[in-house]
Amino acid sequence: PLRCSSSQGRASRVARPENARKGGRPHPETRTRGGQAMLAAAARTAARLVARGRRHTPRGFASSAVAAEPPDVIAPGRFTVEELEMQPTATAKPVPSKEALLGMFGKFFSDHMLEADWTADEGWGAPRIHAQGNLEISPAASCLHYALQCFEGMKAYRGADDRLRLFRPELNARRLNSSLRRLVMPEIPEDAFVQCVAKLVAADATWVPPGEGYSAYLRPTVIATDPYLGVNAPSMVKFFALLSPVGPYWPDGFRPITVAAETTAVRAWPGGAGFAKIGGNYAPTIMPQTRAADRSDAQQVLYCTPEGTGDAAPPRHRVTEVGSMNIVVVRRTPDGRTELVTPTLARDDILPGVTRASILDLARAKRADLGLDDVLEQDLYLEDDLIQAHADGRLLEVFGVGTAAIVCPIKSIVLGAGRLDLPTGDDAGRIATSLLEDLTAVHYGRADPFGWSYLVE
């Protein structure tokens, strides 16, 4: 059974629309009946969704993650698979070869896309699959100005039996709704989300390449499209999903990378929105990523949040994520126990990854076979759990996990002018390799002990 940790939602104040100048005179665009109606609809939406958030605001995935208490009932409007409109393209594009996909992650897109619109007055309209193309939105759309947008990353795989499978899509649906609640945007019916995404995969089945390491990357996205300026809860929203055929994330194969410890730039802060998959969490990471690449041979950044600044003792740095992946550490404790550890989600500053949850489930299920005494979700600190453990010879493996790369071994951690070289060197560690093999067996239909695969018909 799927479970989810949840936290009591925090009351939040919804920003008042910028509908008045000095002296309370209405802004020109709100004088019209249409402008007033949109602002009123936004206020109604905010009140309804914030009230819902007070009742149930899931923190994210705890282990196999998804709710101990049932989610709120979501009024689907017309967003159902029964209402799905199919509008096949008249001009099919050539499908790229597998060779063309190498090193081109997210550069090719299939013939079709999935789309649906929502308004505060009418709710969700019918979803539709139509020819993939550009969106037409107002240049004043709030997604372009205030980052009112969120998204998901998921994959479809073609197995050795030639059947298509989605991997745990219900977790992506639930996490998307968690992100939507954080942005005071309307939720999407989870069953309908999964069913309609599967219909997109079926429509563009020829775009899902065969072979180990190959898949179709799916990018469901939700944006606020209100055509006026002002920081408000949205009254107009667009959902769309793209399908992109991809090869192995690392074209050179399953090889360890070097990461740079970042102790100044913070990806997300406790109490913020790090648990949500929103664009505002990603744009600020480009600068630290670029800086790390310029200053060292690092391919990714290891984000470490400072704690204890201002105290007499020097600050410690809590490890959070590595690039856009969750991080996993295998270590030996001073008393000789072997542990697999990933940072806790308790502070809401770490994304609850679907791959993270799956790695934890697999590691717990085969703990004895892996030689693990414990599988833990708890704080990890740069000074104690990486630097000191490395000095003591107790740091065994470090790797990142995520939808795009699946499992990414780490061979070195750059620390200013120095570095920690992991004992696994240029090879992937035994535990990382074993867990990757188990995950890919599910992806490509060779095994499915947990029932994680969703067959696309």
Foldseek 3Di string as FASTA:
>chain_A
DAAAAWDQFDQDDFDQWPQADPPRDGDVQCPDPVNVVQNVLLVVLLVVLSVLRRHTQTLAADQSHDHPDDHDDADAQQLAPVLEAEAEDPDFDDADDLVVQQPQPPPDFGQWKKKWKAFSVRGIDYIYIYGDDDDDAAPQFVCNPPQLKFKFKWWWAQFPVRFIWTFQQLSRLRLQQSQCSVLSHGHHPSVSVVQVVLVVCVSRVVNADHDPQKTKMKMKMKGARPNHDTRTRGRMMMIMMIIHIHGALNSVPQWAFEEEEDEPDALFDQVGQLQHRTPVSQVVVVVVQVVDVVVDVGNWYFYWYWPDPPDPDGTWTWTADIHLFWKWWWWADPVGAIEIETEASVRSNHHRASLSSLLLVVCVVCVVVVRHPYYYHHIDICVVRPVVRLVVVTTAWMWTAHNRNHIHTHQWYHYPPRIRGHPCHGHHDPSSVVSSVVVVCVSNVVDDPPVRIDTRD
